[in-house]
């Protein structure tokens, strides 16, 4: 299985309004390092997993609305606990859509899996990985 990864980072603010989250119930900031990995069994006709430039463009596109944002104020997240795990799935869904829309370029339709990892601290990270349905 071949893979390629791209990464970036964002700073956000949010609160996790349940007793379960202790002090994180209060508004607080977080910096995430985001890594998106693409997997396939065979390389494209250009001998790549995915066009890295396009993958970086889509990553920037997906992350731009989140940069320096208070996620509590984002209508698309109303009523959601914007945990690290939740954000992994949100980013995954945006990339799966980009594959279907052709924004990752020729050959991307052959991607089998995408994994999104958000590193919260040097000691903690969350991941969502799934099949790419075209």
N, C-alpha and C. Protein backbone atom coordinates (compact mmCIF):
# COMPACT_ATOMS: atom_id res chain seq x y z
N UNK A 1 0.86 -1.17 0.00
CA UNK A 1 0.00 0.00 0.00
C UNK A 1 0.90 1.23 0.00
N UNK A 2 0.66 2.13 -0.93
CA UNK A 2 1.39 3.40 -1.00
C UNK A 2 0.64 4.46 -0.21
N UNK A 3 1.40 5.42 0.31
CA UNK A 3 0.75 6.55 0.98
C UNK A 3 1.55 7.82 0.77
N UNK A 4 0.84 8.94 0.84
CA UNK A 4 1.42 10.28 0.81
C UNK A 4 0.71 11.07 1.88
N UNK A 5 1.46 11.94 2.57
CA UNK A 5 0.88 12.78 3.61
C UNK A 5 1.15 14.24 3.32
N UNK A 6 0.18 15.08 3.66
CA UNK A 6 0.36 16.53 3.64
C UNK A 6 -0.06 17.05 5.02
N UNK A 7 0.49 18.20 5.41
CA UNK A 7 0.14 18.71 6.74
C UNK A 7 0.14 20.23 6.77
N UNK A 8 -0.50 20.74 7.79
CA UNK A 8 -0.60 22.18 8.05
C UNK A 8 -1.00 22.31 9.52
N UNK A 9 -1.23 23.53 9.96
CA UNK A 9 -1.68 23.73 11.34
C UNK A 9 -2.70 24.86 11.38
N UNK A 10 -3.52 24.84 12.44
CA UNK A 10 -4.50 25.90 12.68
C UNK A 10 -4.55 26.20 14.17
N UNK A 11 -5.00 27.40 14.47
CA UNK A 11 -5.32 27.79 15.84
C UNK A 11 -6.81 28.11 15.87
N UNK A 12 -7.50 27.55 16.86
CA UNK A 12 -8.95 27.75 16.99
C UNK A 12 -9.27 28.08 18.45
N UNK A 13 -10.50 28.50 18.67
CA UNK A 13 -11.05 28.61 20.01
C UNK A 13 -12.35 27.83 20.03
N UNK A 14 -12.68 27.26 21.17
CA UNK A 14 -13.96 26.56 21.33
C UNK A 14 -14.16 26.24 22.80
N UNK A 15 -15.36 25.80 23.12
CA UNK A 15 -15.66 25.30 24.45
C UNK A 15 -16.40 23.97 24.29
N UNK A 16 -16.22 23.11 25.24
CA UNK A 16 -16.86 21.79 25.21
C UNK A 16 -17.81 21.72 26.39
N UNK A 17 -19.04 22.13 26.17
CA UNK A 17 -20.03 22.41 27.21
C UNK A 17 -20.66 21.17 27.82
N UNK A 18 -19.85 20.33 28.40
CA UNK A 18 -20.35 19.18 29.18
C UNK A 18 -19.40 18.97 30.35
N UNK A 19 -19.96 18.57 31.47
CA UNK A 19 -19.16 18.35 32.68
C UNK A 19 -18.02 17.38 32.43
N UNK A 20 -18.23 16.42 31.54
CA UNK A 20 -17.23 15.43 31.18
C UNK A 20 -15.88 16.08 30.86
N UNK A 21 -15.90 17.28 30.27
CA UNK A 21 -14.69 17.93 29.78
C UNK A 21 -13.99 18.82 30.81
N UNK A 22 -14.50 18.84 32.04
CA UNK A 22 -13.82 19.60 33.10
C UNK A 22 -13.55 21.04 32.68
N UNK A 23 -12.31 21.52 32.86
CA UNK A 23 -12.01 22.91 32.54
C UNK A 23 -12.16 23.27 31.06
N UNK A 24 -12.18 22.27 30.19
CA UNK A 24 -12.35 22.56 28.76
C UNK A 24 -13.79 22.96 28.43
N UNK A 25 -14.68 22.97 29.44
CA UNK A 25 -16.02 23.50 29.25
C UNK A 25 -15.96 24.99 28.95
N UNK A 26 -14.93 25.64 29.47
CA UNK A 26 -14.76 27.08 29.26
C UNK A 26 -14.13 27.33 27.90
N UNK A 27 -14.35 28.53 27.38
CA UNK A 27 -13.74 28.91 26.12
C UNK A 27 -12.22 28.83 26.27
N UNK A 28 -11.59 28.17 25.33
CA UNK A 28 -10.13 28.02 25.36
C UNK A 28 -9.61 27.90 23.93
N UNK A 29 -8.34 28.10 23.78
CA UNK A 29 -7.71 27.99 22.47
C UNK A 29 -7.02 26.66 22.31
N UNK A 30 -6.81 26.28 21.06
CA UNK A 30 -6.08 25.07 20.75
C UNK A 30 -5.34 25.28 19.43
N UNK A 31 -4.15 24.72 19.36
CA UNK A 31 -3.39 24.69 18.11
C UNK A 31 -3.29 23.24 17.70
N UNK A 32 -3.70 22.95 16.47
CA UNK A 32 -3.67 21.59 15.95
C UNK A 32 -2.72 21.51 14.77
N UNK A 33 -1.92 20.46 14.74
CA UNK A 33 -1.17 20.09 13.54
C UNK A 33 -2.02 19.03 12.86
N UNK A 34 -2.38 19.29 11.61
CA UNK A 34 -3.25 18.40 10.86
C UNK A 34 -2.43 17.68 9.81
N UNK A 35 -2.53 16.36 9.79
CA UNK A 35 -1.88 15.54 8.76
C UNK A 35 -2.95 14.74 8.06
N UNK A 36 -2.94 14.81 6.74
CA UNK A 36 -3.88 14.03 5.93
C UNK A 36 -3.06 13.06 5.10
N UNK A 37 -3.37 11.77 5.27
CA UNK A 37 -2.66 10.71 4.54
C UNK A 37 -3.61 10.09 3.52
N UNK A 38 -3.07 9.82 2.35
CA UNK A 38 -3.82 9.22 1.24
C UNK A 38 -3.21 7.87 0.93
N UNK A 39 -4.05 6.85 0.72
CA UNK A 39 -3.58 5.48 0.51
C UNK A 39 -4.15 4.89 -0.77
N UNK A 40 -3.32 4.11 -1.45
CA UNK A 40 -3.76 3.37 -2.62
C UNK A 40 -2.83 2.18 -2.85
N UNK A 41 -3.36 1.15 -3.52
CA UNK A 41 -2.59 -0.07 -3.79
C UNK A 41 -1.59 0.13 -4.93
N UNK A 42 -1.99 0.85 -5.95
CA UNK A 42 -1.12 1.05 -7.11
C UNK A 42 -1.01 2.54 -7.40
N UNK A 43 0.10 2.93 -7.97
CA UNK A 43 0.32 4.33 -8.31
C UNK A 43 -0.48 4.72 -9.55
N UNK A 44 -0.71 6.01 -9.71
CA UNK A 44 -1.40 6.51 -10.90
C UNK A 44 -0.50 6.36 -12.12
N UNK A 45 -1.00 6.71 -13.27
CA UNK A 45 -0.19 6.64 -14.49
C UNK A 45 1.00 7.59 -14.40
N UNK A 46 0.96 8.56 -13.49
CA UNK A 46 2.08 9.48 -13.28
C UNK A 46 2.99 9.03 -12.13
N UNK A 47 2.78 7.79 -11.65
CA UNK A 47 3.58 7.20 -10.56
C UNK A 47 3.51 7.99 -9.27
N UNK A 48 2.31 8.48 -8.94
CA UNK A 48 2.09 9.16 -7.67
C UNK A 48 0.87 8.56 -6.98
N UNK A 49 0.75 8.85 -5.69
CA UNK A 49 -0.45 8.48 -4.94
C UNK A 49 -1.54 9.51 -5.21
N UNK A 50 -1.16 10.78 -5.10
CA UNK A 50 -2.07 11.90 -5.31
C UNK A 50 -1.21 13.12 -5.66
N UNK A 51 -1.78 14.07 -6.33
CA UNK A 51 -1.08 15.31 -6.65
C UNK A 51 -0.88 16.09 -5.34
N UNK A 52 0.35 16.15 -4.86
CA UNK A 52 0.64 16.79 -3.58
C UNK A 52 0.26 18.26 -3.58
N UNK A 53 0.51 18.95 -4.68
CA UNK A 53 0.15 20.37 -4.77
C UNK A 53 -1.34 20.58 -4.60
N UNK A 54 -2.12 19.75 -5.28
CA UNK A 54 -3.58 19.87 -5.14
C UNK A 54 -4.03 19.47 -3.74
N UNK A 55 -3.41 18.46 -3.17
CA UNK A 55 -3.77 18.05 -1.81
C UNK A 55 -3.51 19.19 -0.82
N UNK A 56 -2.38 19.88 -0.99
CA UNK A 56 -2.08 21.03 -0.13
C UNK A 56 -3.07 22.16 -0.35
N UNK A 57 -3.47 22.38 -1.61
CA UNK A 57 -4.47 23.42 -1.91
C UNK A 57 -5.80 23.11 -1.23
N UNK A 58 -6.24 21.85 -1.32
CA UNK A 58 -7.50 21.46 -0.70
C UNK A 58 -7.39 21.55 0.81
N UNK A 59 -6.25 21.16 1.37
CA UNK A 59 -6.07 21.27 2.81
C UNK A 59 -6.21 22.73 3.25
N UNK A 60 -5.58 23.63 2.54
CA UNK A 60 -5.71 25.05 2.87
C UNK A 60 -7.16 25.52 2.75
N UNK A 61 -7.83 25.08 1.71
CA UNK A 61 -9.24 25.43 1.49
C UNK A 61 -10.12 24.94 2.64
N UNK A 62 -9.87 23.71 3.09
CA UNK A 62 -10.66 23.11 4.17
C UNK A 62 -10.38 23.80 5.51
N UNK A 63 -9.12 24.15 5.74
CA UNK A 63 -8.74 24.72 7.03
C UNK A 63 -9.00 26.22 7.13
N UNK A 64 -9.03 26.93 6.02
CA UNK A 64 -9.18 28.39 6.05
C UNK A 64 -10.36 28.88 6.88
N UNK A 65 -11.56 28.29 6.76
CA UNK A 65 -12.68 28.78 7.57
C UNK A 65 -12.51 28.51 9.07
N UNK A 66 -11.58 27.63 9.43
CA UNK A 66 -11.38 27.28 10.84
C UNK A 66 -10.26 28.10 11.49
N UNK A 67 -9.38 28.65 10.69
CA UNK A 67 -8.22 29.38 11.22
C UNK A 67 -8.66 30.57 12.07
N UNK A 68 -8.14 30.62 13.28
CA UNK A 68 -8.39 31.72 14.22
C UNK A 68 -9.87 31.93 14.50
N UNK A 69 -10.68 30.90 14.28
CA UNK A 69 -12.13 31.02 14.48
C UNK A 69 -12.52 30.47 15.84
N UNK A 70 -13.61 31.03 16.37
CA UNK A 70 -14.26 30.46 17.54
C UNK A 70 -15.29 29.48 16.99
N UNK A 71 -15.04 28.20 17.13
CA UNK A 71 -15.91 27.18 16.56
C UNK A 71 -17.31 27.21 17.17
N UNK A 72 -17.43 27.76 18.37
CA UNK A 72 -18.75 27.89 19.01
C UNK A 72 -19.66 28.82 18.21
N UNK A 73 -19.06 29.69 17.40
CA UNK A 73 -19.83 30.68 16.63
C UNK A 73 -20.09 30.23 15.19
N UNK A 74 -19.60 29.09 14.79
CA UNK A 74 -19.77 28.61 13.42
C UNK A 74 -21.12 27.89 13.28
N UNK A 75 -22.01 28.38 12.41
CA UNK A 75 -23.33 27.75 12.27
C UNK A 75 -23.27 26.26 11.93
N UNK A 76 -22.27 25.85 11.14
CA UNK A 76 -22.20 24.43 10.75
C UNK A 76 -21.87 23.52 11.93
N UNK A 77 -21.42 24.08 13.04
CA UNK A 77 -21.10 23.28 14.22
C UNK A 77 -22.09 23.48 15.36
N UNK A 78 -23.19 24.17 15.09
CA UNK A 78 -24.20 24.44 16.14
C UNK A 78 -24.66 23.13 16.76
N UNK A 79 -24.64 23.10 18.08
CA UNK A 79 -25.10 21.93 18.81
C UNK A 79 -24.11 20.78 18.85
N UNK A 80 -22.92 20.96 18.29
CA UNK A 80 -21.91 19.91 18.27
C UNK A 80 -20.82 20.17 19.32
N UNK A 81 -20.28 19.11 19.85
CA UNK A 81 -19.07 19.20 20.66
C UNK A 81 -17.90 19.08 19.69
N UNK A 82 -17.20 20.16 19.48
CA UNK A 82 -16.13 20.20 18.47
C UNK A 82 -14.83 19.63 19.04
N UNK A 83 -14.92 18.37 19.43
CA UNK A 83 -13.74 17.66 19.94
C UNK A 83 -12.74 17.45 18.83
N UNK A 84 -11.56 17.05 19.20
CA UNK A 84 -10.53 16.76 18.22
C UNK A 84 -11.00 15.64 17.28
N UNK A 85 -11.63 14.63 17.84
CA UNK A 85 -12.13 13.52 17.04
C UNK A 85 -13.19 14.00 16.04
N UNK A 86 -14.10 14.84 16.50
CA UNK A 86 -15.14 15.40 15.62
C UNK A 86 -14.51 16.18 14.47
N UNK A 87 -13.49 16.97 14.77
CA UNK A 87 -12.84 17.77 13.73
C UNK A 87 -12.11 16.88 12.72
N UNK A 88 -11.55 15.76 13.18
CA UNK A 88 -10.93 14.81 12.25
C UNK A 88 -11.95 14.34 11.22
N UNK A 89 -13.13 13.97 11.67
CA UNK A 89 -14.17 13.49 10.75
C UNK A 89 -14.63 14.61 9.82
N UNK A 90 -14.78 15.82 10.36
CA UNK A 90 -15.18 16.96 9.53
C UNK A 90 -14.18 17.16 8.38
N UNK A 91 -12.91 17.14 8.68
CA UNK A 91 -11.87 17.34 7.66
C UNK A 91 -11.87 16.16 6.68
N UNK A 92 -12.00 14.94 7.19
CA UNK A 92 -12.10 13.76 6.31
C UNK A 92 -13.23 13.92 5.32
N UNK A 93 -14.41 14.31 5.80
CA UNK A 93 -15.57 14.46 4.93
C UNK A 93 -15.32 15.49 3.83
N UNK A 94 -14.61 16.56 4.15
CA UNK A 94 -14.29 17.58 3.16
C UNK A 94 -13.34 17.02 2.10
N UNK A 95 -12.40 16.18 2.50
CA UNK A 95 -11.49 15.57 1.53
C UNK A 95 -12.19 14.52 0.69
N UNK A 96 -13.08 13.75 1.27
CA UNK A 96 -13.83 12.77 0.49
C UNK A 96 -14.65 13.48 -0.59
N UNK A 97 -15.23 14.62 -0.24
CA UNK A 97 -15.97 15.42 -1.21
C UNK A 97 -15.03 15.94 -2.30
N UNK A 98 -13.85 16.37 -1.93
CA UNK A 98 -12.87 16.86 -2.91
C UNK A 98 -12.47 15.77 -3.89
N UNK A 99 -12.38 14.52 -3.43
CA UNK A 99 -12.09 13.40 -4.33
C UNK A 99 -13.23 13.26 -5.32
N UNK A 100 -14.46 13.24 -4.82
CA UNK A 100 -15.63 13.08 -5.70
C UNK A 100 -15.77 14.23 -6.68
N UNK A 101 -15.41 15.44 -6.25
CA UNK A 101 -15.53 16.64 -7.10
C UNK A 101 -14.37 16.80 -8.07
N UNK A 102 -13.35 15.95 -7.96
CA UNK A 102 -12.21 16.03 -8.87
C UNK A 102 -11.18 17.10 -8.51
N UNK A 103 -11.29 17.68 -7.31
CA UNK A 103 -10.37 18.75 -6.93
C UNK A 103 -8.97 18.26 -6.55
N UNK A 104 -8.79 16.94 -6.43
CA UNK A 104 -7.47 16.40 -6.14
C UNK A 104 -6.75 15.92 -7.40
N UNK A 105 -7.36 16.17 -8.54
CA UNK A 105 -6.69 15.90 -9.80
C UNK A 105 -6.90 14.51 -10.35
N UNK A 106 -6.30 14.30 -11.53
CA UNK A 106 -6.40 13.02 -12.23
C UNK A 106 -5.83 11.89 -11.37
N UNK A 107 -6.55 10.80 -11.34
CA UNK A 107 -6.10 9.63 -10.61
C UNK A 107 -6.58 9.57 -9.18
N UNK A 108 -7.05 10.69 -8.64
CA UNK A 108 -7.48 10.69 -7.23
C UNK A 108 -8.67 9.78 -6.99
N UNK A 109 -9.44 9.52 -8.05
CA UNK A 109 -10.59 8.63 -7.88
C UNK A 109 -10.15 7.22 -7.50
N UNK A 110 -8.87 6.88 -7.67
CA UNK A 110 -8.35 5.57 -7.29
C UNK A 110 -7.88 5.48 -5.86
N UNK A 111 -7.99 6.58 -5.11
CA UNK A 111 -7.61 6.53 -3.69
C UNK A 111 -8.54 5.57 -2.95
N UNK A 112 -7.96 4.78 -2.06
CA UNK A 112 -8.76 3.82 -1.32
C UNK A 112 -9.15 4.32 0.06
N UNK A 113 -8.21 4.98 0.74
CA UNK A 113 -8.46 5.43 2.11
C UNK A 113 -7.83 6.80 2.31
N UNK A 114 -8.41 7.52 3.25
CA UNK A 114 -7.84 8.78 3.72
C UNK A 114 -7.82 8.71 5.24
N UNK A 115 -6.71 9.16 5.82
CA UNK A 115 -6.60 9.24 7.28
C UNK A 115 -6.29 10.69 7.65
N UNK A 116 -7.05 11.23 8.59
CA UNK A 116 -6.84 12.59 9.08
C UNK A 116 -6.43 12.49 10.55
N UNK A 117 -5.29 13.10 10.88
CA UNK A 117 -4.80 13.12 12.26
C UNK A 117 -4.67 14.55 12.71
N UNK A 118 -5.21 14.84 13.88
CA UNK A 118 -5.02 16.14 14.53
C UNK A 118 -4.18 15.93 15.77
N UNK A 119 -3.01 16.52 15.78
CA UNK A 119 -2.10 16.45 16.92
C UNK A 119 -2.41 17.65 17.81
N UNK A 120 -2.89 17.38 19.03
CA UNK A 120 -3.25 18.43 19.98
C UNK A 120 -2.03 18.93 20.75
N UNK A 121 -1.25 18.00 21.20
CA UNK A 121 -0.05 18.29 21.98
C UNK A 121 0.99 17.27 21.55
N UNK A 122 2.23 17.41 22.00
CA UNK A 122 3.20 16.36 21.69
C UNK A 122 2.80 14.99 22.24
N UNK A 123 1.85 14.98 23.20
CA UNK A 123 1.46 13.74 23.86
C UNK A 123 0.08 13.21 23.48
N UNK A 124 -0.68 13.94 22.66
CA UNK A 124 -2.05 13.52 22.37
C UNK A 124 -2.45 13.87 20.94
N UNK A 125 -3.09 12.90 20.29
CA UNK A 125 -3.59 13.10 18.94
C UNK A 125 -4.84 12.26 18.75
N UNK A 126 -5.62 12.62 17.74
CA UNK A 126 -6.80 11.85 17.37
C UNK A 126 -6.76 11.63 15.86
N UNK A 127 -7.41 10.56 15.42
CA UNK A 127 -7.39 10.18 14.01
C UNK A 127 -8.76 9.71 13.57
N UNK A 128 -9.11 10.02 12.33
CA UNK A 128 -10.23 9.38 11.67
C UNK A 128 -9.73 8.86 10.34
N UNK A 129 -10.01 7.60 10.05
CA UNK A 129 -9.61 6.98 8.80
C UNK A 129 -10.80 6.28 8.19
N UNK A 130 -10.97 6.44 6.88
CA UNK A 130 -12.09 5.78 6.24
C UNK A 130 -11.84 5.53 4.77
N UNK A 131 -12.68 4.70 4.21
CA UNK A 131 -12.64 4.42 2.77
C UNK A 131 -13.16 5.63 2.02
N UNK A 132 -12.63 5.82 0.84
CA UNK A 132 -13.07 6.92 0.00
C UNK A 132 -14.14 6.36 -0.93
N UNK A 133 -15.37 6.78 -0.73
CA UNK A 133 -16.46 6.34 -1.60
C UNK A 133 -16.63 7.30 -2.76
N UNK A 134 -16.48 6.81 -3.96
CA UNK A 134 -16.64 7.69 -5.12
C UNK A 134 -18.00 7.53 -5.73
